[in-house]
Amino acid sequence: MTKIEAILSDFLTALDAYDREAAVHIAVDAIQKEKMDVPTLYEQILAPSLNMIASNTKNQEIPIWDEHLRSNIVRTVIENIFPLLSTSTAIDAKRALVLCLEEEYHDMGARMISDYVSLLGFKTFFIGANTPKKEIIHAVEYLAPDLICISVTNYYHLTRLHSMVESLKNINAEPFKIVIGGYAVHNTSNVRELVEVDYYASSFEDLLKIKEALL
């Protein structure tokens, strides 16, 4: 068993026991003792844990209250990791807006994206879950982001995503690029045909390449 596999096993055991303190300790310890960096923690530990929760809920293997309990433990972990991020934002830094669509209540993927772009030096605005279209448009006009990051977990929201993207393309605002990601995006084979945007991201490395393209 590799080091990452061992940490994932311990983390899943903590989730199964609903042990928030243990889950936080495992994650914080991994970062502080340099067992892994934040992107690795998010992609190799937290994301698989969230995907397992989503899959088990979809297959009705766990009740909704159980999903919420486990998901909130992961949320607490992310909140405890944020102070450990090594970020540096220049005065003239690119600006990133990170959000979820209306009726999309699963925003932890978006939160991880927010931390990623912060690590990459963006001035980041995270507005989170369930954001109505008109509010997204107003935020874009007001905040003038260089990059708009939209995370979609629920497959049913891909049609809404297409509508949102088309609306964004037609607003009167400073030039920006759009990147989409999230569970539904990554697991829809024809997503590039359904929704045409500038970038599709599934990892920290993808966002790093996007940042380099924007410079």
C-alpha atoms as a PDB file:
ATOM      1  CA  MET A   1       0.000   0.000   0.000  1.00  0.00           C
ATOM      2  CA  THR A   2       1.387   3.395  -0.981  1.00  0.00           C
ATOM      3  CA  LYS A   3       1.505   6.380   1.363  1.00  0.00           C
ATOM      4  CA  ILE A   4      -1.422   8.020  -0.423  1.00  0.00           C
ATOM      5  CA  GLU A   5      -3.468   4.811  -0.330  1.00  0.00           C
ATOM      6  CA  ALA A   6      -2.817   4.502   3.408  1.00  0.00           C
ATOM      7  CA  ILE A   7      -3.943   8.078   4.059  1.00  0.00           C
ATOM      8  CA  LEU A   8      -7.053   7.570   1.913  1.00  0.00           C
ATOM      9  CA  SER A   9      -7.885   4.380   3.816  1.00  0.00           C
ATOM     10  CA  ASP A  10      -7.529   6.164   7.162  1.00  0.00           C
ATOM     11  CA  PHE A  11      -9.616   9.078   5.914  1.00  0.00           C
ATOM     12  CA  LEU A  12     -12.424   6.819   4.678  1.00  0.00           C
ATOM     13  CA  THR A  13     -12.380   4.994   8.008  1.00  0.00           C
ATOM     14  CA  ALA A  14     -12.852   8.342   9.762  1.00  0.00           C
ATOM     15  CA  LEU A  15     -15.758   9.184   7.445  1.00  0.00           C
ATOM     16  CA  ASP A  16     -17.375   5.799   8.051  1.00  0.00           C
ATOM     17  CA  ALA A  17     -17.177   6.502  11.787  1.00  0.00           C
ATOM     18  CA  TYR A  18     -18.482  10.085  11.309  1.00  0.00           C
ATOM     19  CA  ASP A  19     -15.323  11.185  13.138  1.00  0.00           C
ATOM     20  CA  ARG A  20     -14.838  14.809  12.127  1.00  0.00           C
ATOM     21  CA  GLU A  21     -11.883  15.401  14.444  1.00  0.00           C
ATOM     22  CA  ALA A  22      -9.991  12.394  13.080  1.00  0.00           C
ATOM     23  CA  ALA A  23     -10.683  13.385   9.468  1.00  0.00           C
ATOM     24  CA  VAL A  24      -9.415  16.923  10.073  1.00  0.00           C
ATOM     25  CA  HIS A  25      -6.332  15.618  11.880  1.00  0.00           C
ATOM     26  CA  ILE A  26      -5.470  13.213   9.052  1.00  0.00           C
ATOM     27  CA  ALA A  27      -5.722  15.950   6.413  1.00  0.00           C
ATOM     28  CA  VAL A  28      -3.955  18.705   8.355  1.00  0.00           C
ATOM     29  CA  ASP A  29      -1.210  16.311   9.443  1.00  0.00           C
ATOM     30  CA  ALA A  30      -0.628  15.284   5.828  1.00  0.00           C
ATOM     31  CA  ILE A  31      -0.049  18.916   4.823  1.00  0.00           C
ATOM     32  CA  GLN A  32       1.904  20.076   7.856  1.00  0.00           C
ATOM     33  CA  LYS A  33       4.260  17.090   7.767  1.00  0.00           C
ATOM     34  CA  GLU A  34       4.645  17.495   3.988  1.00  0.00           C
ATOM     35  CA  LYS A  35       3.328  14.029   3.214  1.00  0.00           C
ATOM     36  CA  MET A  36       1.549  15.661   0.265  1.00  0.00           C
ATOM     37  CA  ASP A  37       0.672  19.097  -1.082  1.00  0.00           C
ATOM     38  CA  VAL A  38      -2.813  20.619  -1.137  1.00  0.00           C
ATOM     39  CA  PRO A  39      -3.664  19.657  -4.751  1.00  0.00           C
ATOM     40  CA  THR A  40      -2.704  16.044  -4.013  1.00  0.00           C
ATOM     41  CA  LEU A  41      -4.800  16.036  -0.843  1.00  0.00           C
ATOM     42  CA  TYR A  42      -7.796  17.399  -2.724  1.00  0.00           C
ATOM     43  CA  GLU A  43      -7.443  15.154  -5.782  1.00  0.00           C
ATOM     44  CA  GLN A  44      -6.260  11.899  -4.199  1.00  0.00           C
ATOM     45  CA  ILE A  45      -8.074  12.004  -0.848  1.00  0.00           C
ATOM     46  CA  LEU A  46     -11.014  14.419  -0.739  1.00  0.00           C
ATOM     47  CA  ALA A  47     -12.301  14.120  -4.319  1.00  0.00           C
ATOM     48  CA  PRO A  48     -12.409  10.285  -4.263  1.00  0.00           C
ATOM     49  CA  SER A  49     -14.179  10.456  -0.910  1.00  0.00           C
ATOM     50  CA  LEU A  50     -16.796  12.862  -2.276  1.00  0.00           C
ATOM     51  CA  ASN A  51     -17.229  10.785  -5.439  1.00  0.00           C
ATOM     52  CA  MET A  52     -17.856   7.682  -3.347  1.00  0.00           C
ATOM     53  CA  ILE A  53     -20.463   9.569  -1.333  1.00  0.00           C
ATOM     54  CA  ALA A  54     -22.169  10.790  -4.526  1.00  0.00           C
ATOM     55  CA  SER A  55     -22.085   7.336  -6.098  1.00  0.00           C
ATOM     56  CA  ASN A  56     -23.466   5.613  -3.005  1.00  0.00           C
ATOM     57  CA  THR A  57     -26.260   8.180  -2.706  1.00  0.00           C
ATOM     58  CA  LYS A  58     -27.183   7.808  -6.390  1.00  0.00           C
ATOM     59  CA  ASN A  59     -27.359   4.027  -5.973  1.00  0.00           C
ATOM     60  CA  GLN A  60     -29.388   4.497  -2.766  1.00  0.00           C
ATOM     61  CA  GLU A  61     -26.763   2.652  -0.748  1.00  0.00           C
ATOM     62  CA  ILE A  62     -26.719   5.390   1.906  1.00  0.00           C
ATOM     63  CA  PRO A  63     -29.541   7.700   3.065  1.00  0.00           C
ATOM     64  CA  ILE A  64     -29.462  11.430   2.392  1.00  0.00           C
ATOM     65  CA  TRP A  65     -28.778  12.298   6.036  1.00  0.00           C
ATOM     66  CA  ASP A  66     -25.674  10.106   5.859  1.00  0.00           C
ATOM     67  CA  GLU A  67     -24.509  11.867   2.690  1.00  0.00           C
ATOM     68  CA  HIS A  68     -24.947  15.253   4.350  1.00  0.00           C
ATOM     69  CA  LEU A  69     -23.084  14.158   7.460  1.00  0.00           C
ATOM     70  CA  ARG A  70     -20.101  12.836   5.508  1.00  0.00           C
ATOM     71  CA  SER A  71     -20.085  15.801   3.124  1.00  0.00           C
ATOM     72  CA  ASN A  72     -20.071  18.273   5.998  1.00  0.00           C
ATOM     73  CA  ILE A  73     -17.076  16.503   7.506  1.00  0.00           C
ATOM     74  CA  VAL A  74     -15.231  16.988   4.212  1.00  0.00           C
ATOM     75  CA  ARG A  75     -16.329  20.639   4.190  1.00  0.00           C
ATOM     76  CA  THR A  76     -14.834  21.102   7.659  1.00  0.00           C
ATOM     77  CA  VAL A  77     -11.589  19.558   6.426  1.00  0.00           C
ATOM     78  CA  ILE A  78     -11.405  22.029   3.526  1.00  0.00           C
ATOM     79  CA  GLU A  79     -12.072  24.958   5.864  1.00  0.00           C
ATOM     80  CA  ASN A  80      -9.222  23.807   8.092  1.00  0.00           C
ATOM     81  CA  ILE A  81      -6.868  23.450   5.132  1.00  0.00           C
ATOM     82  CA  PHE A  82      -7.473  26.992   3.841  1.00  0.00           C
ATOM     83  CA  PRO A  83      -5.275  28.708   6.474  1.00  0.00           C
ATOM     84  CA  LEU A  84      -2.433  26.399   5.412  1.00  0.00           C
ATOM     85  CA  LEU A  85      -2.494  27.549   1.775  1.00  0.00           C
ATOM     86  CA  SER A  86       0.645  29.350   0.656  1.00  0.00           C
ATOM     87  CA  THR A  87      -0.854  32.080  -1.503  1.00  0.00           C
ATOM     88  CA  SER A  88       0.565  35.294  -2.888  1.00  0.00           C
ATOM     89  CA  THR A  89      -1.598  37.735  -4.820  1.00  0.00           C
ATOM     90  CA  ALA A  90       0.066  40.531  -6.788  1.00  0.00           C
ATOM     91  CA  ILE A  91      -1.580  43.936  -7.090  1.00  0.00           C
ATOM     92  CA  ASP A  92      -2.182  43.337 -10.803  1.00  0.00           C
ATOM     93  CA  ALA A  93      -3.196  39.688 -10.368  1.00  0.00           C
ATOM     94  CA  LYS A  94      -5.719  38.071 -12.672  1.00  0.00           C
ATOM     95  CA  ARG A  95      -9.192  37.819 -11.158  1.00  0.00           C
ATOM     96  CA  ALA A  96     -11.173  34.581 -10.909  1.00  0.00           C
ATOM     97  CA  LEU A  97     -14.862  34.141 -10.112  1.00  0.00           C
ATOM     98  CA  VAL A  98     -15.839  30.671  -8.855  1.00  0.00           C
ATOM     99  CA  LEU A  99     -19.475  29.601  -8.623  1.00  0.00           C
ATOM    100  CA  CYS A 100     -22.226  27.016  -8.943  1.00  0.00           C
ATOM    101  CA  LEU A 101     -25.446  27.387 -10.904  1.00  0.00           C
ATOM    102  CA  GLU A 102     -28.923  27.938  -9.540  1.00  0.00           C
ATOM    103  CA  GLU A 103     -30.232  24.852  -7.690  1.00  0.00           C
ATOM    104  CA  GLU A 104     -26.723  23.358  -7.606  1.00  0.00           C
ATOM    105  CA  TYR A 105     -26.195  22.865  -3.888  1.00  0.00           C
ATOM    106  CA  HIS A 106     -23.023  20.776  -4.051  1.00  0.00           C
ATOM    107  CA  ASP A 107     -20.326  23.435  -3.934  1.00  0.00           C
ATOM    108  CA  MET A 108     -17.309  21.653  -2.470  1.00  0.00           C
ATOM    109  CA  GLY A 109     -15.835  21.021  -5.899  1.00  0.00           C
ATOM    110  CA  ALA A 110     -16.134  24.750  -6.536  1.00  0.00           C
ATOM    111  CA  ARG A 111     -14.542  25.468  -3.165  1.00  0.00           C
ATOM    112  CA  MET A 112     -11.553  23.309  -4.059  1.00  0.00           C
ATOM    113  CA  ILE A 113     -11.269  25.106  -7.404  1.00  0.00           C
ATOM    114  CA  SER A 114     -11.330  28.392  -5.489  1.00  0.00           C
ATOM    115  CA  ASP A 115      -8.391  27.236  -3.375  1.00  0.00           C
ATOM    116  CA  TYR A 116      -6.558  26.070  -6.504  1.00  0.00           C
ATOM    117  CA  VAL A 117      -6.814  29.399  -8.288  1.00  0.00           C
ATOM    118  CA  SER A 118      -5.806  31.163  -5.076  1.00  0.00           C
ATOM    119  CA  LEU A 119      -2.702  28.964  -4.955  1.00  0.00           C
ATOM    120  CA  LEU A 120      -2.012  30.013  -8.539  1.00  0.00           C
ATOM    121  CA  GLY A 121      -1.996  33.681  -7.559  1.00  0.00           C
ATOM    122  CA  PHE A 122      -5.437  34.762  -8.752  1.00  0.00           C
ATOM    123  CA  LYS A 123      -7.476  37.267  -6.776  1.00  0.00           C
ATOM    124  CA  THR A 124     -10.337  34.893  -6.121  1.00  0.00           C
ATOM    125  CA  PHE A 125     -14.036  35.509  -5.558  1.00  0.00           C
ATOM    126  CA  PHE A 126     -15.937  32.420  -4.396  1.00  0.00           C
ATOM    127  CA  ILE A 127     -19.713  32.903  -4.438  1.00  0.00           C
ATOM    128  CA  GLY A 128     -20.545  29.235  -4.018  1.00  0.00           C
ATOM    129  CA  ALA A 129     -23.761  27.300  -4.402  1.00  0.00           C
ATOM    130  CA  ASN A 130     -27.188  28.012  -5.885  1.00  0.00           C
ATOM    131  CA  THR A 131     -26.488  31.303  -7.644  1.00  0.00           C
ATOM    132  CA  PRO A 132     -29.319  32.580  -9.901  1.00  0.00           C
ATOM    133  CA  LYS A 133     -28.411  33.508 -13.471  1.00  0.00           C
ATOM    134  CA  LYS A 134     -29.118  37.224 -13.056  1.00  0.00           C
ATOM    135  CA  GLU A 135     -26.894  37.318  -9.956  1.00  0.00           C
ATOM    136  CA  ILE A 136     -24.059  35.606 -11.814  1.00  0.00           C
ATOM    137  CA  ILE A 137     -24.314  38.143 -14.618  1.00  0.00           C
ATOM    138  CA  HIS A 138     -24.334  41.012 -12.122  1.00  0.00           C
ATOM    139  CA  ALA A 139     -21.274  39.568 -10.347  1.00  0.00           C
ATOM    140  CA  VAL A 140     -19.408  39.307 -13.660  1.00  0.00           C
ATOM    141  CA  GLU A 141     -20.256  42.895 -14.574  1.00  0.00           C
ATOM    142  CA  TYR A 142     -19.296  44.190 -11.127  1.00  0.00           C
ATOM    143  CA  LEU A 143     -16.177  42.116 -10.372  1.00  0.00           C
ATOM    144  CA  ALA A 144     -14.777  42.014 -13.937  1.00  0.00           C
ATOM    145  CA  PRO A 145     -13.096  38.602 -13.647  1.00  0.00           C
ATOM    146  CA  ASP A 146     -10.539  37.359 -16.149  1.00  0.00           C
ATOM    147  CA  LEU A 147     -11.625  33.769 -15.515  1.00  0.00           C
ATOM    148  CA  ILE A 148     -15.062  32.375 -14.636  1.00  0.00           C
ATOM    149  CA  CYS A 149     -14.980  28.893 -13.092  1.00  0.00           C
ATOM    150  CA  ILE A 150     -18.263  26.951 -12.980  1.00  0.00           C
ATOM    151  CA  SER A 151     -18.546  23.635 -11.143  1.00  0.00           C
ATOM    152  CA  VAL A 152     -21.424  21.255 -11.927  1.00  0.00           C
ATOM    153  CA  THR A 153     -22.108  18.135  -9.866  1.00  0.00           C
ATOM    154  CA  ASN A 154     -25.673  17.299 -10.880  1.00  0.00           C
ATOM    155  CA  TYR A 155     -26.101  15.894 -14.413  1.00  0.00           C
ATOM    156  CA  TYR A 156     -29.521  17.545 -14.679  1.00  0.00           C
ATOM    157  CA  HIS A 157     -27.826  20.937 -14.576  1.00  0.00           C
ATOM    158  CA  LEU A 158     -25.843  20.502 -17.791  1.00  0.00           C
ATOM    159  CA  THR A 159     -28.701  22.047 -19.780  1.00  0.00           C
ATOM    160  CA  ARG A 160     -28.746  24.968 -17.353  1.00  0.00           C
ATOM    161  CA  LEU A 161     -24.972  25.212 -17.751  1.00  0.00           C
ATOM    162  CA  HIS A 162     -25.340  25.551 -21.522  1.00  0.00           C
ATOM    163  CA  SER A 163     -27.905  28.325 -21.045  1.00  0.00           C
ATOM    164  CA  MET A 164     -25.675  30.127 -18.534  1.00  0.00           C
ATOM    165  CA  VAL A 165     -22.642  29.959 -20.797  1.00  0.00           C
ATOM    166  CA  GLU A 166     -24.591  31.347 -23.749  1.00  0.00           C
ATOM    167  CA  SER A 167     -25.865  34.206 -21.581  1.00  0.00           C
ATOM    168  CA  LEU A 168     -22.340  34.999 -20.402  1.00  0.00           C
ATOM    169  CA  LYS A 169     -21.098  35.151 -23.980  1.00  0.00           C
ATOM    170  CA  ASN A 170     -23.629  37.871 -24.736  1.00  0.00           C
ATOM    171  CA  ILE A 171     -23.170  40.241 -21.802  1.00  0.00           C
ATOM    172  CA  ASN A 172     -21.432  43.605 -21.999  1.00  0.00           C
ATOM    173  CA  ALA A 173     -18.389  43.122 -19.788  1.00  0.00           C
ATOM    174  CA  GLU A 174     -14.607  43.088 -19.818  1.00  0.00           C
ATOM    175  CA  PRO A 175     -13.177  40.096 -21.755  1.00  0.00           C
ATOM    176  CA  PHE A 176     -13.038  36.859 -19.785  1.00  0.00           C
ATOM    177  CA  LYS A 177     -12.530  33.142 -20.270  1.00  0.00           C
ATOM    178  CA  ILE A 178     -14.838  30.389 -19.010  1.00  0.00           C
ATOM    179  CA  VAL A 179     -13.707  27.091 -17.511  1.00  0.00           C
ATOM    180  CA  ILE A 180     -16.070  24.318 -16.414  1.00  0.00           C
ATOM    181  CA  GLY A 181     -15.499  21.281 -14.244  1.00  0.00           C
ATOM    182  CA  GLY A 182     -17.115  19.114 -11.607  1.00  0.00           C
ATOM    183  CA  TYR A 183     -18.469  15.581 -11.270  1.00  0.00           C
ATOM    184  CA  ALA A 184     -21.125  15.916 -13.990  1.00  0.00           C
ATOM    185  CA  VAL A 185     -18.722  17.536 -16.457  1.00  0.00           C
ATOM    186  CA  HIS A 186     -15.985  14.952 -15.933  1.00  0.00           C
ATOM    187  CA  ASN A 187     -18.365  12.007 -16.254  1.00  0.00           C
ATOM    188  CA  THR A 188     -20.252  13.136 -19.364  1.00  0.00           C
ATOM    189  CA  SER A 189     -18.424  11.828 -22.424  1.00  0.00           C
ATOM    190  CA  ASN A 190     -19.948  14.313 -24.882  1.00  0.00           C
ATOM    191  CA  VAL A 191     -19.775  17.371 -22.635  1.00  0.00           C
ATOM    192  CA  ARG A 192     -17.674  19.284 -25.184  1.00  0.00           C
ATOM    193  CA  GLU A 193     -20.530  18.927 -27.662  1.00  0.00           C
ATOM    194  CA  LEU A 194     -23.153  19.966 -25.111  1.00  0.00           C
ATOM    195  CA  VAL A 195     -21.340  23.008 -23.736  1.00  0.00           C
ATOM    196  CA  GLU A 196     -18.723  24.984 -25.653  1.00  0.00           C
ATOM    197  CA  VAL A 197     -16.392  26.946 -23.396  1.00  0.00           C
ATOM    198  CA  ASP A 198     -12.771  28.064 -23.429  1.00  0.00           C
ATOM    199  CA  TYR A 199     -11.442  25.424 -21.054  1.00  0.00           C
ATOM    200  CA  TYR A 200     -12.385  22.166 -19.335  1.00  0.00           C
ATOM    201  CA  ALA A 201     -10.578  21.378 -16.082  1.00  0.00           C
ATOM    202  CA  SER A 202     -10.377  18.310 -13.885  1.00  0.00           C
ATOM    203  CA  SER A 203      -7.182  18.963 -11.936  1.00  0.00           C
ATOM    204  CA  PHE A 204      -4.788  21.516 -10.516  1.00  0.00           C
ATOM    205  CA  GLU A 205      -2.488  20.861 -13.480  1.00  0.00           C
ATOM    206  CA  ASP A 206      -5.293  21.804 -15.878  1.00  0.00           C
ATOM    207  CA  LEU A 207      -5.777  25.111 -14.070  1.00  0.00           C
ATOM    208  CA  LEU A 208      -2.031  25.735 -14.062  1.00  0.00           C
ATOM    209  CA  LYS A 209      -2.007  25.382 -17.861  1.00  0.00           C
ATOM    210  CA  ILE A 210      -4.993  27.730 -18.088  1.00  0.00           C
ATOM    211  CA  LYS A 211      -3.186  30.321 -15.983  1.00  0.00           C
ATOM    212  CA  GLU A 212      -0.140  30.091 -18.243  1.00  0.00           C
ATOM    213  CA  ALA A 213      -2.376  30.563 -21.284  1.00  0.00           C
ATOM    214  CA  LEU A 214      -3.871  33.714 -19.757  1.00  0.00           C
ATOM    215  CA  LEU A 215      -0.498  35.346 -19.094  1.00  0.00           C
END
